[in-house]
Protein backbone atom coordinates (compact mmCIF):
# COMPACT_ATOMS: atom_id res chain seq x y z
CA UNK A 1 74.86 118.66 109.27
CA UNK A 2 71.89 116.63 108.04
CA UNK A 3 70.97 119.38 105.54
CA UNK A 4 74.53 119.42 104.24
CA UNK A 5 74.49 115.66 103.76
CA UNK A 6 71.16 115.83 101.92
CA UNK A 7 72.49 118.56 99.65
CA UNK A 8 75.60 116.49 98.87
CA UNK A 9 73.46 113.49 97.92
CA UNK A 10 71.26 115.63 95.67
CA UNK A 11 74.31 117.03 93.90
CA UNK A 12 75.73 113.55 93.38
CA UNK A 13 72.46 112.33 91.92
CA UNK A 14 72.34 115.30 89.58
CA UNK A 15 75.80 114.37 88.37
CA UNK A 16 74.54 110.87 87.66
CA UNK A 17 71.54 112.15 85.74
CA UNK A 18 73.73 114.43 83.63
CA UNK A 19 76.10 111.57 82.97
CA UNK A 20 73.31 109.22 81.86
CA UNK A 21 71.87 111.84 79.50
CA UNK A 22 75.11 112.59 77.73
CA UNK A 23 76.62 109.11 77.88
CA UNK A 24 75.76 108.15 74.32
CA UNK A 25 76.72 111.51 72.87
CA UNK A 26 79.88 112.63 74.58
CA UNK A 27 82.48 110.22 75.91
CA UNK A 28 84.74 113.12 76.84
CA UNK A 29 82.08 114.65 79.12
CA UNK A 30 81.47 111.24 80.70
CA UNK A 31 85.18 110.98 81.38
CA UNK A 32 85.13 114.42 83.00
CA UNK A 33 82.34 113.36 85.34
CA UNK A 34 84.28 110.24 86.32
CA UNK A 35 87.34 112.38 87.03
CA UNK A 36 85.25 114.70 89.19
CA UNK A 37 84.02 111.74 91.21
CA UNK A 38 87.57 110.48 91.58
CA UNK A 39 88.71 113.83 92.94
CA UNK A 40 85.76 113.80 95.34
CA UNK A 41 86.81 110.44 96.75
CA UNK A 42 90.51 111.17 97.01
CA UNK A 43 91.87 110.88 100.57
CA UNK A 44 94.89 112.69 102.01
CA UNK A 45 97.99 110.51 101.79
CA UNK A 46 101.72 110.66 102.32
CA UNK A 47 104.35 108.34 100.86
CA UNK A 48 107.22 107.18 103.05
CA UNK A 49 110.36 107.00 100.93
CA UNK A 50 113.19 106.40 103.40
CA UNK A 51 113.94 103.22 105.31
CA UNK A 52 114.55 104.82 108.70
CA UNK A 53 111.11 106.43 108.77
CA UNK A 54 109.47 103.24 107.52
CA UNK A 55 111.18 101.27 110.29
CA UNK A 56 110.17 103.78 112.93
CA UNK A 57 106.51 103.84 111.88
CA UNK A 58 105.99 100.15 111.05
CA UNK A 59 108.19 98.42 113.60
CA UNK A 60 109.14 100.62 116.53
CA UNK A 61 105.99 102.72 116.51
CA UNK A 62 103.56 99.78 116.44
CA UNK A 63 104.55 98.76 119.96
CA UNK A 64 103.01 101.96 121.24
CA UNK A 65 99.84 101.54 119.22
CA UNK A 66 100.66 103.39 116.00
CA UNK A 67 98.31 102.72 113.10
CA UNK A 68 95.47 101.23 115.13
CA UNK A 69 93.50 100.74 111.91
CA UNK A 70 93.79 100.70 108.13
CA UNK A 71 91.75 102.13 105.22
CA UNK A 72 88.42 100.57 104.31
CA UNK A 73 89.06 97.63 102.03
CA UNK A 74 88.81 97.78 98.27
CA UNK A 75 88.93 94.00 97.92
CA UNK A 76 86.02 92.68 95.81
CA UNK A 77 84.65 90.38 98.53
CA UNK A 78 84.28 93.34 100.91
CA UNK A 79 82.86 95.71 98.31
CA UNK A 80 80.20 93.30 97.01
CA UNK A 81 79.05 92.43 100.54
CA UNK A 82 79.03 96.10 101.63
CA UNK A 83 81.79 95.37 104.17
CA UNK A 84 79.81 92.56 105.82
CA UNK A 85 81.98 89.65 104.62
CA UNK A 86 85.46 90.27 105.91
CA UNK A 87 88.67 88.29 105.78
CA UNK A 88 92.19 88.99 107.06
CA UNK A 89 92.92 91.32 104.16
CA UNK A 90 89.76 93.40 104.54
CA UNK A 91 88.78 93.36 108.23
CA UNK A 92 89.49 96.43 110.38
CA UNK A 93 92.05 95.83 113.10
CA UNK A 94 90.12 94.66 116.14
CA UNK A 95 88.78 91.52 117.86
CA UNK A 96 87.54 89.86 114.64
CA UNK A 97 90.86 90.37 112.88
CA UNK A 98 92.87 89.14 115.86
CA UNK A 99 90.85 85.95 116.31
CA UNK A 100 90.91 84.99 112.63
CA UNK A 101 94.64 85.67 112.35
CA UNK A 102 95.41 83.62 115.47
CA UNK A 103 93.35 80.82 114.00
CA UNK A 104 95.27 80.81 110.72
CA UNK A 105 98.81 81.02 112.08
CA UNK A 106 98.98 78.02 114.47
CA UNK A 107 96.26 75.86 112.93
CA UNK A 108 97.41 75.88 109.29
CA UNK A 109 100.63 77.85 108.79
CA UNK A 110 102.70 76.57 111.71
CA UNK A 111 105.83 74.76 110.42
CA UNK A 112 104.64 71.44 111.88
CA UNK A 113 101.31 71.80 110.09
CA UNK A 114 103.01 72.72 106.84
CA UNK A 115 105.13 69.59 107.08
CA UNK A 116 101.92 67.54 107.21
CA UNK A 117 100.99 68.79 103.73
CA UNK A 118 104.13 67.27 102.16
CA UNK A 119 102.11 64.66 100.25
CA UNK A 120 99.90 67.36 98.75
CA UNK A 121 102.99 69.27 97.63
CA UNK A 122 104.39 66.14 95.98
CA UNK A 123 101.12 65.53 94.15
CA UNK A 124 101.01 69.14 92.93
CA UNK A 125 104.63 68.94 91.76
CA UNK A 126 104.06 65.63 89.96
CA UNK A 127 101.05 67.07 88.12
CA UNK A 128 102.99 70.20 87.17
CA UNK A 129 106.01 68.26 85.90
CA UNK A 130 103.75 65.95 83.87
CA UNK A 131 101.89 68.92 82.38
CA UNK A 132 105.09 70.76 81.42
CA UNK A 133 106.66 67.57 80.11
CA UNK A 134 103.72 66.85 77.85
CA UNK A 135 103.76 70.39 76.49
CA UNK A 136 107.47 70.42 75.69
CA UNK A 137 107.34 67.02 73.95
CA UNK A 138 104.32 67.89 71.81
CA UNK A 139 105.58 71.36 70.88
CA UNK A 140 108.08 71.38 67.99
CA UNK A 141 110.40 73.81 69.80
CA UNK A 142 109.63 72.79 73.38
CA UNK A 143 107.51 75.88 74.05
CA UNK A 144 105.32 75.69 77.19
CA UNK A 145 102.70 77.96 78.72
CA UNK A 146 104.60 78.08 82.00
CA UNK A 147 102.58 80.79 83.74
CA UNK A 148 99.25 78.98 83.40
CA UNK A 149 100.69 75.60 84.39
CA UNK A 150 102.41 76.97 87.50
CA UNK A 151 99.31 78.86 88.59
CA UNK A 152 97.03 75.83 88.16
CA UNK A 153 99.40 73.62 90.16
CA UNK A 154 99.62 76.14 92.99
CA UNK A 155 95.85 76.61 93.03
CA UNK A 156 95.33 72.85 93.29
CA UNK A 157 97.76 72.63 96.22
CA UNK A 158 96.14 75.50 98.11
CA UNK A 159 92.67 74.07 97.41
CA UNK A 160 93.74 70.80 99.05
CA UNK A 161 95.11 72.67 102.07
CA UNK A 162 91.86 74.62 102.27
CA UNK A 163 89.20 71.96 101.60
CA UNK A 164 91.03 68.69 102.18
CA UNK A 165 91.76 65.84 99.81
CA UNK A 166 89.33 64.43 97.29
CA UNK A 167 88.00 67.65 95.75
CA UNK A 168 87.04 66.94 92.14
CA UNK A 169 89.82 68.08 89.78
CA UNK A 170 87.33 69.53 87.34
CA UNK A 171 85.86 71.67 90.11
CA UNK A 172 89.33 72.82 91.18
CA UNK A 173 90.07 73.86 87.60
CA UNK A 174 86.76 75.73 87.38
CA UNK A 175 87.54 77.48 90.67
CA UNK A 176 90.94 78.51 89.34
CA UNK A 177 89.45 79.80 86.08
CA UNK A 178 86.86 81.82 88.00
CA UNK A 179 89.41 83.35 90.31
CA UNK A 180 89.75 86.48 88.20
CA UNK A 181 87.52 87.77 91.02
CA UNK A 182 90.75 88.76 92.78
CA UNK A 183 92.01 90.80 89.85
CA UNK A 184 92.04 94.55 89.99
CA UNK A 185 88.88 96.47 89.23
CA UNK A 186 89.72 100.18 88.74
CA UNK A 187 86.19 101.16 89.81
CA UNK A 188 86.29 99.40 93.20
CA UNK A 189 86.95 102.61 95.10
CA UNK A 190 83.78 104.10 93.60
CA UNK A 191 81.77 101.00 94.56
CA UNK A 192 83.16 101.17 98.11
CA UNK A 193 82.66 104.89 98.73
CA UNK A 194 79.57 105.74 96.65
CA UNK A 195 77.88 102.40 95.92
CA UNK A 196 74.52 103.72 94.65
CA UNK A 197 76.12 106.22 92.27
CA UNK A 198 78.87 103.87 91.07
CA UNK A 199 76.44 101.05 90.28
CA UNK A 200 74.56 103.34 87.92
CA UNK A 201 77.68 104.60 86.16
CA UNK A 202 79.50 101.26 85.98
CA UNK A 203 76.53 98.95 85.53
CA UNK A 204 78.37 96.31 83.50
CA UNK A 205 81.35 96.22 85.85
CA UNK A 206 79.10 95.90 88.89
CA UNK A 207 77.09 93.11 87.25
CA UNK A 208 80.30 91.26 86.44
CA UNK A 209 81.56 91.66 89.99
CA UNK A 210 78.30 90.34 91.46
CA UNK A 211 78.20 87.44 88.99
CA UNK A 212 81.78 86.44 89.85
CA UNK A 213 81.01 86.48 93.55
CA UNK A 214 77.88 84.37 93.00
CA UNK A 215 79.85 81.89 90.91
CA UNK A 216 82.42 81.69 93.67
CA UNK A 217 79.75 80.97 96.28
CA UNK A 218 78.13 78.34 94.07
CA UNK A 219 81.42 76.43 93.96
CA UNK A 220 82.66 77.00 97.50
CA UNK A 221 79.51 76.59 99.59
CA UNK A 222 78.88 72.90 98.73
CA UNK A 223 82.45 72.12 99.79
CA UNK A 224 81.95 74.04 103.04
CA UNK A 225 78.66 72.26 103.80
CA UNK A 226 80.26 68.87 103.07
CA UNK A 227 83.09 69.54 105.53
CA UNK A 228 80.58 70.79 108.11
CA UNK A 229 78.42 67.66 108.03
CA UNK A 230 81.00 64.91 107.43
CA UNK A 231 82.39 62.65 110.13
CA UNK A 232 86.03 63.53 110.61
CA UNK A 233 88.34 60.53 110.76
CA UNK A 234 90.52 59.94 113.82
CA UNK A 235 93.93 61.56 113.36
CA UNK A 236 92.89 63.34 110.17
CA UNK A 237 94.62 66.63 109.56
CA UNK A 238 92.04 69.42 109.60
CA UNK A 239 91.77 71.52 106.46
CA UNK A 240 91.67 75.30 106.76
CA UNK A 241 87.92 75.35 106.22
CA UNK A 242 87.46 73.00 109.21
CA UNK A 243 89.10 75.53 111.51
CA UNK A 244 86.79 78.26 110.18
CA UNK A 245 83.66 76.16 110.72
CA UNK A 246 84.66 75.56 114.35
CA UNK A 247 85.78 79.13 114.99
CA UNK A 248 84.07 81.57 117.36
CA UNK A 249 84.67 85.24 116.57
CA UNK A 250 83.98 88.40 118.52
CA UNK A 251 81.93 91.34 117.32
CA UNK A 252 81.62 94.75 118.90
CA UNK A 253 78.09 96.14 119.05
CA UNK A 254 76.16 98.95 120.72
CA UNK A 255 74.31 98.14 123.94
CA UNK A 256 72.35 100.50 126.19
CA UNK A 257 72.41 100.68 129.97
CA UNK A 258 69.56 103.06 130.59
CA UNK A 259 70.36 106.03 128.38
CA UNK A 260 74.08 105.29 128.22
CA UNK A 261 75.43 103.64 125.09
CA UNK A 262 78.24 101.15 125.64
CA UNK A 263 80.37 99.07 123.30
CA UNK A 264 80.08 95.38 124.10
CA UNK A 265 81.36 92.21 122.51
CA UNK A 266 79.46 89.09 121.57
CA UNK A 267 80.63 85.75 120.29
CA UNK A 268 79.27 84.07 117.19
CA UNK A 269 80.11 81.61 114.45
CA UNK A 270 81.31 82.79 111.07
CA UNK A 271 78.57 83.27 108.46
CA UNK A 272 78.76 81.28 105.23
CA UNK A 273 79.66 84.39 103.24
CA UNK A 274 82.55 85.11 105.59
CA UNK A 275 83.85 81.55 105.26
CA UNK A 276 83.69 81.84 101.47
CA UNK A 277 85.71 85.05 101.67
CA UNK A 278 88.27 83.50 104.02
CA UNK A 279 88.72 80.46 101.77
CA UNK A 280 88.97 82.57 98.62
CA UNK A 281 91.60 84.75 100.29
CA UNK A 282 93.62 81.73 101.46
CA UNK A 283 93.60 79.99 98.08
CA UNK A 284 93.98 83.16 96.00
CA UNK A 285 96.77 84.84 97.96
CA UNK A 286 98.69 81.57 98.34
CA UNK A 287 98.42 80.94 94.61
CA UNK A 288 98.96 84.32 93.01
CA UNK A 289 101.95 85.46 95.07
CA UNK A 290 104.02 82.30 94.66
CA UNK A 291 103.06 81.83 90.99
CA UNK A 292 104.13 85.42 90.29
CA UNK A 293 107.46 85.10 92.12
CA UNK A 294 108.32 81.84 90.35
CA UNK A 295 107.95 83.71 87.06
CA UNK A 296 109.94 86.69 88.34
CA UNK A 297 112.82 84.38 89.29
CA UNK A 298 114.68 85.34 86.09
CA UNK A 299 116.20 81.88 85.67
CA UNK A 300 115.07 81.84 82.03
CA UNK A 301 116.85 85.10 81.23
CA UNK A 302 119.88 84.27 83.38
CA UNK A 303 121.11 80.78 82.47
CA UNK A 304 124.24 81.15 84.63
CA UNK A 305 122.03 81.58 87.72
CA UNK A 306 119.95 78.58 86.67
CA UNK A 307 123.09 76.48 86.23
CA UNK A 308 124.45 77.52 89.65
CA UNK A 309 121.18 76.44 91.30
CA UNK A 310 121.27 73.14 89.41
CA UNK A 311 124.86 72.40 90.47
CA UNK A 312 123.95 73.04 94.08
CA UNK A 313 120.98 70.66 93.80
CA UNK A 314 123.13 67.97 92.14
CA UNK A 315 125.58 68.18 95.04
CA UNK A 316 122.85 67.96 97.65
CA UNK A 317 120.63 65.09 96.43
CA UNK A 318 121.30 61.59 95.12
CA UNK A 319 120.87 60.56 91.50
CA UNK A 320 117.74 58.50 92.19
CA UNK A 321 116.03 61.10 94.39
CA UNK A 322 112.56 61.81 93.04
CA UNK A 323 112.23 65.27 94.54
CA UNK A 324 114.11 67.99 96.35
CA UNK A 325 112.32 67.64 99.68
CA UNK A 326 111.81 70.32 102.28
CA UNK A 327 114.49 68.70 104.48
CA UNK A 328 117.03 69.58 101.76
CA UNK A 329 115.86 73.14 101.07
CA UNK A 330 117.57 74.60 104.13
CA UNK A 331 120.94 73.37 102.83
CA UNK A 332 120.59 75.07 99.42
CA UNK A 333 122.18 78.42 100.25
CA UNK A 334 122.36 79.74 96.71
CA UNK A 335 118.77 78.75 95.93
CA UNK A 336 117.57 80.59 99.04
CA UNK A 337 119.65 83.60 98.03
CA UNK A 338 117.93 83.59 94.64
CA UNK A 339 114.53 83.51 96.35
CA UNK A 340 115.45 86.46 98.57
CA UNK A 341 116.80 88.47 95.64
CA UNK A 342 113.60 87.83 93.65
CA UNK A 343 111.53 89.05 96.60
CA UNK A 344 113.73 92.12 97.01
CA UNK A 345 113.50 93.22 93.38
CA UNK A 346 109.94 92.08 92.65
CA UNK A 347 107.70 92.13 95.74
CA UNK A 348 104.23 91.04 94.70
CA UNK A 349 102.54 93.57 96.98
CA UNK A 350 102.57 97.02 95.41
CA UNK A 351 101.83 98.98 98.58
CA UNK A 352 101.74 98.53 102.33
CA UNK A 353 99.01 100.91 103.50
CA UNK A 354 98.17 102.16 106.97
CA UNK A 355 95.69 104.82 108.06
CA UNK A 356 96.04 107.29 110.88
CA UNK A 357 93.15 107.04 113.35
CA UNK A 358 92.06 109.42 116.08
CA UNK A 359 93.75 107.18 118.65
CA UNK A 360 97.11 107.37 116.87
CA UNK A 361 99.88 109.83 117.52
CA UNK A 362 101.97 109.66 114.35
CA UNK A 363 104.74 112.23 113.97
CA UNK A 364 106.37 112.78 110.57
CA UNK A 365 108.75 115.62 109.68
CA UNK A 366 108.09 117.15 113.10
CA UNK A 367 104.33 117.36 112.63
CA UNK A 368 101.43 115.21 113.77
CA UNK A 369 99.79 113.47 110.82
CA UNK A 370 96.03 114.26 110.79
CA UNK A 371 93.50 111.52 111.42
CA UNK A 372 92.20 109.91 108.22
CA UNK A 373 95.51 110.24 106.35
CA UNK A 374 96.68 107.17 104.47
CA UNK A 375 100.38 106.38 104.93
CA UNK A 376 101.86 104.49 101.96
CA UNK A 377 105.00 102.36 101.97
CA UNK A 378 106.34 101.12 98.62
CA UNK A 379 108.23 97.82 99.13
CA UNK A 380 109.97 97.95 95.75
CA UNK A 381 111.42 101.45 96.12
CA UNK A 382 112.43 100.87 99.75
CA UNK A 383 114.26 97.67 98.76
CA UNK A 384 116.23 99.50 96.03
CA UNK A 385 117.75 102.03 98.40
CA UNK A 386 121.39 102.68 97.46
CA UNK A 387 122.31 103.21 101.11
CA UNK A 388 121.23 99.62 101.89
CA UNK A 389 122.43 97.69 98.84
CA UNK A 390 125.32 97.98 96.42
CA UNK A 391 124.03 98.25 92.83
CA UNK A 392 120.42 97.81 94.03
CA UNK A 393 118.90 97.48 90.54
CA UNK A 394 121.09 94.50 89.64
CA UNK A 395 119.97 90.90 90.11
CA UNK A 396 122.72 89.58 92.36
CA UNK A 397 121.81 86.65 94.65
CA UNK A 398 125.41 86.65 95.90
CA UNK A 399 124.60 89.68 98.06
CA UNK A 400 122.90 87.23 100.46
CA UNK A 401 125.89 84.83 100.67
CA UNK A 402 128.58 85.59 103.29
CA UNK A 403 131.05 83.20 101.69
CA UNK A 404 130.81 85.13 98.42
CA UNK A 405 131.35 88.57 99.85
CA UNK A 406 127.74 89.20 100.76
CA UNK A 407 125.96 88.96 104.07
CA UNK A 408 123.48 86.58 105.59
CA UNK A 409 120.08 88.28 105.73
CA UNK A 410 116.78 86.62 106.52
CA UNK A 411 113.44 88.22 105.82
CA UNK A 412 112.60 88.95 109.44
CA UNK A 413 115.87 90.78 109.99
CA UNK A 414 115.68 92.51 106.60
CA UNK A 415 112.26 93.88 107.54
CA UNK A 416 113.70 95.36 110.72
CA UNK A 417 111.66 93.03 112.90
CA UNK A 418 114.50 91.48 114.87
CA UNK A 419 116.42 94.54 115.93
CA UNK A 420 118.12 95.16 112.60
CA UNK A 421 117.63 97.97 110.14
CA UNK A 422 114.85 97.72 107.57
CA UNK A 423 116.16 96.76 104.15
CA UNK A 424 113.25 95.06 102.36
CA UNK A 425 109.63 94.27 103.22
CA UNK A 426 107.99 92.02 100.61
CA UNK A 427 105.68 90.67 103.33
CA UNK A 428 105.28 93.88 105.31
CA UNK A 429 106.87 94.46 108.71
CA UNK A 430 106.10 94.75 112.38
CA UNK A 431 103.50 92.83 114.33
CA UNK A 432 101.15 92.81 111.31
CA UNK A 433 103.62 91.15 108.94
CA UNK A 434 101.92 88.80 106.48
CA UNK A 435 101.18 85.48 108.27
CA UNK A 436 101.74 83.62 105.00
CA UNK A 437 105.44 84.45 104.79
CA UNK A 438 106.57 80.98 105.92
CA UNK A 439 104.39 78.99 103.54
CA UNK A 440 105.28 81.30 100.64
CA UNK A 441 109.00 80.82 101.24
CA UNK A 442 108.55 77.04 101.49
CA UNK A 443 106.55 76.82 98.26
CA UNK A 444 108.90 79.12 96.35
CA UNK A 445 111.96 77.12 97.34
CA UNK A 446 110.30 73.74 96.82
CA UNK A 447 108.86 74.38 93.36
CA UNK A 448 111.81 76.41 92.06
CA UNK A 449 114.36 73.76 93.03
CA UNK A 450 112.36 70.89 91.59
CA UNK A 451 111.54 72.69 88.34
CA UNK A 452 115.26 73.36 87.83
CA UNK A 453 116.03 69.73 88.73
CA UNK A 454 113.58 68.42 86.11
CA UNK A 455 114.01 70.85 83.22
CA UNK A 456 116.44 73.11 81.46
CA UNK A 457 114.68 76.45 80.97
CA UNK A 458 115.48 78.54 77.89
CA UNK A 459 114.03 81.84 76.76
CA UNK A 460 111.53 81.93 73.91
CA UNK A 461 112.08 84.33 71.04
CA UNK A 462 110.32 87.34 69.55
CA UNK A 463 107.01 88.32 71.07
CA UNK A 464 107.20 85.36 73.47
CA UNK A 465 110.48 86.48 75.04
CA UNK A 466 110.48 87.26 78.75
CA UNK A 467 109.24 90.78 79.47
CA UNK A 468 110.28 92.00 82.93
CA UNK A 469 108.08 95.06 82.88
CA UNK A 470 105.54 94.93 85.71
CA UNK A 471 101.76 94.94 85.51
CA UNK A 472 100.14 96.33 88.65
CA UNK A 473 96.92 94.94 90.12
CA UNK A 474 96.20 93.36 93.47
CA UNK A 475 99.57 91.69 92.91
CA UNK A 476 102.49 92.77 90.75
CA UNK A 477 102.96 90.33 87.88
CA UNK A 478 105.00 90.31 84.69
CA UNK A 479 103.57 92.33 81.85
CA UNK A 480 103.50 89.19 79.72
CA UNK A 481 102.83 85.74 81.29
CA UNK A 482 105.90 83.53 81.21
CA UNK A 483 106.49 81.43 78.10
CA UNK A 484 109.61 79.29 77.91
CA UNK A 485 111.29 76.52 75.95
CA UNK A 486 111.80 73.46 78.14
CA UNK A 487 114.03 70.42 77.76
CA UNK A 488 114.18 67.49 80.12
CA UNK A 489 117.35 67.79 82.18
CA UNK A 490 119.65 64.75 82.00
CA UNK A 491 121.78 64.64 85.08
CA UNK A 492 125.42 63.71 84.38
CA UNK A 493 126.62 60.45 85.91
CA UNK A 494 129.50 60.20 88.28
């Protein structure tokens, strides 16, 4: 076995040498070598295309221990740290993952905790409205760079939830600008599987990845150290980073009792690099998903939907109300239907991926799926199943309204997690459903309702028109960032 491994390494190095020699003379040969490496790294995979099988494997099967792990992460923070710095997205299922998830859910994302961040949401909304208002008054045709403004506002809100109040606005903007670290690098699978070889072939990409990570640490670590050493005020709401500083996690390690090797667990604090990764994940995922869905909402292309949302808001809040608060959101049935329809048609997550481990007993089409096989679930295709929805490709929020001939469906039920059939899974399904579902729904409803309350949104023309084609990366976003013509909305009296 050792000889075979040595031979494989020698062959890979020879490929690298050949590639370096011909790189300047033959781009086609270089491309062939890259393709050969890609084929070498390809793992067996199956794609689940029907809802019944997806429900059985993700929801019913997980009770018995199906999918006890997932593939090694291709997230940049894991690749750069050689799988040492994990977060919820990258950690293998096990004691570390369970402890960090349990810390996030009750400490930060519990509904009572989210309510405590109402002031931060109002500040983020006020800054966003002011930014958009200034753009539409200074532009001759009211054109605004909506995508950038929405993303910056969301990043500022999540940064406050993560690091607390008082973070310098210039630093927050620099952190947002540098957050291309979460964007998709096509070569990440090479860096993860064959790091030494990939670094030689993709030297510039690797250098950029390392530089981005270093820049991220340079900005995040001072904030972490400040929160670690400061005196917390009585009654002060802890920021997410505070919970990470205080957290004890469990690691499994090898221990020997005589000549017998045993797996034992030890407790430790999170390392600085792990805290950086956790904070970057929290801020990045909370920003990118909601910012993308607010653009996908289609209110610019569908003025009748926008007007229906606005009428509902006008009926629900008083003339002098400064904002549509979270206490009102639950009453806005049509707005919530729009949010659900956006999530159904345009889930930001491209794939839900699980991996079959030796401990699993996964049966598909009457056969046991071999260990090491990746099982892929595509949220978009599963949510466009004609057996689940009438005219599934149409944007019809009314399908979620019982009083308009539709049916009342919440996300938990639609994902098959409350005894119902699986119909959509924008946040995954089963016991490992995304813990950020609640905060994402709150932020989508809050910002969408208030942006419709403040502005009338019209589509730009020509090359700036809305393009609903998707661009796939870590998250699915619109091919072209949203540009729109905005006009301050004047609410009718009486």
